[in-house]
């Protein structure tokens, strides 16, 4: 089962997407071509499956994290409850 992605903003500077993961659902394998920030809306573990192996990270609601472009993985919800986060992809830079 695939997670549900709802794009909230998509302009020349950013793309903001809310991700909803039913128990056991996943994003499917994908590559991040842009730098991005994730803001969890739920606390709990999420599992990332990459070529290098599988890792599980404990995420806390409201505790954002940053990743540089180039990440390739599939993200899966191992929880018995829905997991949600907002992903902010950075397309452009602010002029000084």
N, C-alpha and C. Protein backbone atom coordinates (compact mmCIF):
# COMPACT_ATOMS: atom_id res chain seq x y z
N UNK A 1 0.85 -1.17 0.00
CA UNK A 1 0.00 0.00 0.00
C UNK A 1 0.90 1.24 0.00
N UNK A 2 0.53 2.23 -0.80
CA UNK A 2 1.33 3.45 -0.89
C UNK A 2 0.81 4.52 0.07
N UNK A 3 1.73 5.29 0.62
CA UNK A 3 1.40 6.45 1.44
C UNK A 3 0.71 7.48 0.54
N UNK A 4 -0.04 8.39 1.16
CA UNK A 4 -0.76 9.43 0.44
C UNK A 4 -0.02 10.75 0.54
N UNK A 5 0.25 11.35 -0.62
CA UNK A 5 0.94 12.65 -0.67
C UNK A 5 -0.04 13.71 -1.14
N UNK A 6 -0.15 14.80 -0.37
CA UNK A 6 -1.00 15.92 -0.75
C UNK A 6 -0.13 17.17 -0.85
N UNK A 7 0.04 17.68 -2.07
CA UNK A 7 0.85 18.89 -2.27
C UNK A 7 0.02 20.08 -1.82
N UNK A 8 0.59 20.86 -0.90
CA UNK A 8 -0.10 22.03 -0.36
C UNK A 8 0.37 23.32 -1.02
N UNK A 9 1.65 23.39 -1.36
CA UNK A 9 2.23 24.55 -2.05
C UNK A 9 3.23 24.02 -3.07
N UNK A 10 3.20 24.56 -4.27
CA UNK A 10 4.19 24.21 -5.30
C UNK A 10 4.40 25.44 -6.16
N UNK A 11 5.50 26.15 -5.88
CA UNK A 11 5.80 27.35 -6.65
C UNK A 11 7.27 27.31 -7.08
N UNK A 12 7.80 28.41 -7.53
CA UNK A 12 9.17 28.43 -8.04
C UNK A 12 10.22 28.28 -6.93
N UNK A 13 9.84 28.44 -5.68
CA UNK A 13 10.80 28.39 -4.57
C UNK A 13 10.73 27.12 -3.73
N UNK A 14 9.51 26.62 -3.47
CA UNK A 14 9.35 25.44 -2.60
C UNK A 14 8.20 24.55 -3.06
N UNK A 15 8.26 23.32 -2.63
CA UNK A 15 7.12 22.40 -2.74
C UNK A 15 6.89 21.86 -1.34
N UNK A 16 5.66 22.02 -0.83
CA UNK A 16 5.30 21.55 0.50
C UNK A 16 4.27 20.44 0.34
N UNK A 17 4.60 19.28 0.88
CA UNK A 17 3.75 18.10 0.72
C UNK A 17 3.46 17.49 2.08
N UNK A 18 2.19 17.21 2.36
CA UNK A 18 1.83 16.45 3.55
C UNK A 18 1.79 14.97 3.16
N UNK A 19 2.51 14.15 3.92
CA UNK A 19 2.53 12.71 3.72
C UNK A 19 1.75 12.03 4.83
N UNK A 20 0.85 11.11 4.45
CA UNK A 20 0.07 10.31 5.40
C UNK A 20 0.36 8.84 5.12
N UNK A 21 0.80 8.14 6.15
CA UNK A 21 1.15 6.73 6.05
C UNK A 21 0.19 5.91 6.88
N UNK A 22 -0.65 5.13 6.24
CA UNK A 22 -1.45 4.15 6.99
C UNK A 22 -0.49 3.11 7.54
N UNK A 23 -0.88 2.35 8.55
CA UNK A 23 0.01 1.31 9.06
C UNK A 23 0.51 0.40 7.93
N UNK A 24 1.83 0.23 7.87
CA UNK A 24 2.44 -0.64 6.86
C UNK A 24 2.63 -0.03 5.49
N UNK A 25 2.13 1.18 5.25
CA UNK A 25 2.25 1.77 3.92
C UNK A 25 3.64 2.38 3.74
N UNK A 26 3.99 2.66 2.47
CA UNK A 26 5.32 3.16 2.12
C UNK A 26 5.23 4.15 0.97
N UNK A 27 6.31 4.91 0.78
CA UNK A 27 6.34 5.89 -0.31
C UNK A 27 6.63 5.24 -1.65
N UNK A 28 7.30 4.09 -1.64
CA UNK A 28 7.87 3.53 -2.86
C UNK A 28 9.25 4.14 -3.04
N UNK A 29 10.13 3.41 -3.69
CA UNK A 29 11.51 3.88 -3.85
C UNK A 29 11.52 5.16 -4.68
N UNK A 30 12.29 6.15 -4.20
CA UNK A 30 12.37 7.43 -4.90
C UNK A 30 13.69 8.12 -4.58
N UNK A 31 14.02 9.13 -5.38
CA UNK A 31 15.24 9.93 -5.19
C UNK A 31 14.83 11.37 -4.94
N UNK A 32 15.48 12.01 -3.99
CA UNK A 32 15.25 13.43 -3.71
C UNK A 32 16.24 14.25 -4.54
N UNK A 33 15.74 14.96 -5.53
CA UNK A 33 16.58 15.79 -6.38
C UNK A 33 16.79 17.19 -5.81
N UNK A 34 16.10 17.49 -4.71
CA UNK A 34 16.20 18.81 -4.07
C UNK A 34 16.55 18.62 -2.59
N UNK A 35 17.21 19.62 -1.98
CA UNK A 35 17.34 19.65 -0.53
C UNK A 35 15.94 19.68 0.06
N UNK A 36 15.78 19.11 1.27
CA UNK A 36 14.44 19.12 1.86
C UNK A 36 14.50 19.09 3.38
N UNK A 37 13.39 19.54 3.97
CA UNK A 37 13.18 19.54 5.42
C UNK A 37 11.92 18.73 5.68
N UNK A 38 11.98 17.87 6.70
CA UNK A 38 10.81 17.11 7.12
C UNK A 38 10.40 17.57 8.51
N UNK A 39 9.11 17.84 8.69
CA UNK A 39 8.56 18.21 9.99
C UNK A 39 7.54 17.13 10.37
N UNK A 40 7.90 16.24 11.29
CA UNK A 40 6.95 15.20 11.71
C UNK A 40 5.74 15.81 12.42
N UNK A 41 4.57 15.27 12.13
CA UNK A 41 3.34 15.66 12.81
C UNK A 41 2.93 14.58 13.81
N UNK A 42 3.63 13.46 13.77
CA UNK A 42 3.38 12.30 14.63
C UNK A 42 4.71 11.89 15.23
N UNK A 43 4.69 11.34 16.42
CA UNK A 43 5.90 10.79 17.03
C UNK A 43 5.91 9.28 16.88
N UNK A 44 7.10 8.73 16.62
CA UNK A 44 7.24 7.29 16.49
C UNK A 44 8.31 6.95 15.48
N UNK A 45 8.54 5.66 15.27
CA UNK A 45 9.56 5.25 14.32
C UNK A 45 9.07 5.26 12.88
N UNK A 46 10.00 5.53 11.96
CA UNK A 46 9.79 5.34 10.52
C UNK A 46 11.00 4.57 10.02
N UNK A 47 10.77 3.70 9.06
CA UNK A 47 11.84 2.87 8.50
C UNK A 47 12.17 3.33 7.10
N UNK A 48 13.46 3.50 6.83
CA UNK A 48 13.95 3.86 5.49
C UNK A 48 14.72 2.68 4.93
N UNK A 49 14.39 2.29 3.71
CA UNK A 49 15.07 1.20 3.03
C UNK A 49 15.84 1.80 1.87
N UNK A 50 17.17 1.70 1.93
CA UNK A 50 18.05 2.25 0.89
C UNK A 50 18.94 1.13 0.38
N UNK A 51 19.71 1.43 -0.64
CA UNK A 51 20.63 0.44 -1.20
C UNK A 51 21.61 -0.06 -0.13
N UNK A 52 21.96 0.81 0.79
CA UNK A 52 22.92 0.45 1.84
C UNK A 52 22.31 -0.37 2.96
N UNK A 53 20.98 -0.49 2.98
CA UNK A 53 20.32 -1.28 4.01
C UNK A 53 19.10 -0.58 4.58
N UNK A 54 18.62 -1.12 5.68
CA UNK A 54 17.40 -0.62 6.32
C UNK A 54 17.75 0.04 7.64
N UNK A 55 17.18 1.23 7.89
CA UNK A 55 17.38 1.91 9.16
C UNK A 55 16.02 2.37 9.68
N UNK A 56 15.91 2.43 10.99
CA UNK A 56 14.69 2.93 11.62
C UNK A 56 15.07 4.11 12.49
N UNK A 57 14.37 5.22 12.31
CA UNK A 57 14.63 6.44 13.07
C UNK A 57 13.41 6.76 13.92
N UNK A 58 13.66 7.20 15.13
CA UNK A 58 12.59 7.64 16.03
C UNK A 58 12.36 9.12 15.79
N UNK A 59 11.18 9.49 15.29
CA UNK A 59 10.86 10.89 14.99
C UNK A 59 9.94 11.44 16.08
N UNK A 60 10.07 12.75 16.33
CA UNK A 60 9.28 13.42 17.35
C UNK A 60 8.48 14.53 16.69
N UNK A 61 7.19 14.57 16.96
CA UNK A 61 6.33 15.61 16.39
C UNK A 61 6.92 16.99 16.65
N UNK A 62 7.04 17.79 15.60
CA UNK A 62 7.54 19.15 15.70
C UNK A 62 9.05 19.29 15.63
N UNK A 63 9.80 18.19 15.64
CA UNK A 63 11.26 18.24 15.58
C UNK A 63 11.71 18.03 14.13
N UNK A 64 11.95 19.13 13.43
CA UNK A 64 12.30 19.10 12.01
C UNK A 64 13.72 18.59 11.80
N UNK A 65 13.96 18.03 10.61
CA UNK A 65 15.33 17.67 10.21
C UNK A 65 15.52 17.98 8.74
N UNK A 66 16.80 18.17 8.34
CA UNK A 66 17.19 18.56 6.99
C UNK A 66 17.96 17.42 6.34
N UNK A 67 17.76 17.23 5.02
CA UNK A 67 18.55 16.29 4.23
C UNK A 67 18.94 16.99 2.92
N UNK A 68 20.16 16.76 2.49
CA UNK A 68 20.63 17.30 1.22
C UNK A 68 20.09 16.46 0.06
N UNK A 69 20.02 17.07 -1.11
CA UNK A 69 19.57 16.37 -2.31
C UNK A 69 20.43 15.14 -2.55
N UNK A 70 19.85 14.14 -3.19
CA UNK A 70 20.58 12.93 -3.56
C UNK A 70 20.15 11.70 -2.79
N UNK A 71 19.37 11.87 -1.72
CA UNK A 71 18.92 10.73 -0.93
C UNK A 71 18.01 9.85 -1.79
N UNK A 72 18.26 8.54 -1.75
CA UNK A 72 17.40 7.56 -2.43
C UNK A 72 16.95 6.54 -1.41
N UNK A 73 15.63 6.34 -1.31
CA UNK A 73 15.10 5.39 -0.33
C UNK A 73 13.62 5.12 -0.56
N UNK A 74 13.11 4.19 0.21
CA UNK A 74 11.68 3.93 0.36
C UNK A 74 11.42 4.13 1.84
N UNK A 75 10.38 4.86 2.21
CA UNK A 75 10.07 5.09 3.62
C UNK A 75 8.79 4.33 3.96
N UNK A 76 8.84 3.58 5.07
CA UNK A 76 7.71 2.72 5.46
C UNK A 76 7.30 3.01 6.90
N UNK A 77 6.00 2.93 7.16
CA UNK A 77 5.45 3.11 8.50
C UNK A 77 5.30 1.75 9.17
N UNK A 78 6.15 1.44 10.18
CA UNK A 78 6.04 0.15 10.87
C UNK A 78 5.04 0.18 12.02
N UNK A 79 4.39 1.31 12.24
CA UNK A 79 3.50 1.48 13.38
C UNK A 79 2.10 0.92 13.14
N UNK A 80 1.37 0.63 14.22
CA UNK A 80 -0.03 0.19 14.08
C UNK A 80 -0.98 1.39 13.99
N UNK A 81 -0.44 2.60 13.79
CA UNK A 81 -1.24 3.82 13.69
C UNK A 81 -0.73 4.65 12.50
N UNK A 82 -1.58 5.59 12.05
CA UNK A 82 -1.20 6.49 10.95
C UNK A 82 -0.03 7.37 11.38
N UNK A 83 0.91 7.57 10.45
CA UNK A 83 2.04 8.47 10.68
C UNK A 83 1.96 9.58 9.65
N UNK A 84 2.22 10.84 10.09
CA UNK A 84 2.13 11.99 9.18
C UNK A 84 3.35 12.87 9.33
N UNK A 85 3.79 13.46 8.20
CA UNK A 85 4.80 14.50 8.25
C UNK A 85 4.61 15.45 7.07
N UNK A 86 5.21 16.64 7.21
CA UNK A 86 5.23 17.63 6.13
C UNK A 86 6.65 17.68 5.60
N UNK A 87 6.77 17.58 4.28
CA UNK A 87 8.07 17.66 3.61
C UNK A 87 8.12 18.97 2.83
N UNK A 88 9.21 19.72 3.04
CA UNK A 88 9.39 21.00 2.35
C UNK A 88 10.64 20.88 1.46
N UNK A 89 10.42 20.84 0.16
CA UNK A 89 11.53 20.76 -0.80
C UNK A 89 11.91 22.17 -1.21
N UNK A 90 13.21 22.44 -1.21
CA UNK A 90 13.72 23.79 -1.46
C UNK A 90 14.17 23.89 -2.92
N UNK A 91 13.43 24.67 -3.70
CA UNK A 91 13.73 24.79 -5.13
C UNK A 91 14.63 25.97 -5.44
N UNK A 92 14.42 27.07 -4.74
CA UNK A 92 15.15 28.29 -5.07
C UNK A 92 15.77 28.91 -3.83
N UNK A 93 16.59 29.88 -4.06
CA UNK A 93 17.26 30.56 -2.96
C UNK A 93 16.73 32.00 -2.85
N UNK A 94 16.73 32.52 -1.65
CA UNK A 94 16.30 33.89 -1.41
C UNK A 94 17.47 34.82 -1.74
N UNK A 95 17.21 35.84 -2.52
CA UNK A 95 18.27 36.81 -2.86
C UNK A 95 18.64 37.61 -1.63
N UNK A 96 19.93 37.94 -1.47
CA UNK A 96 20.36 38.72 -0.29
C UNK A 96 19.82 40.12 -0.30
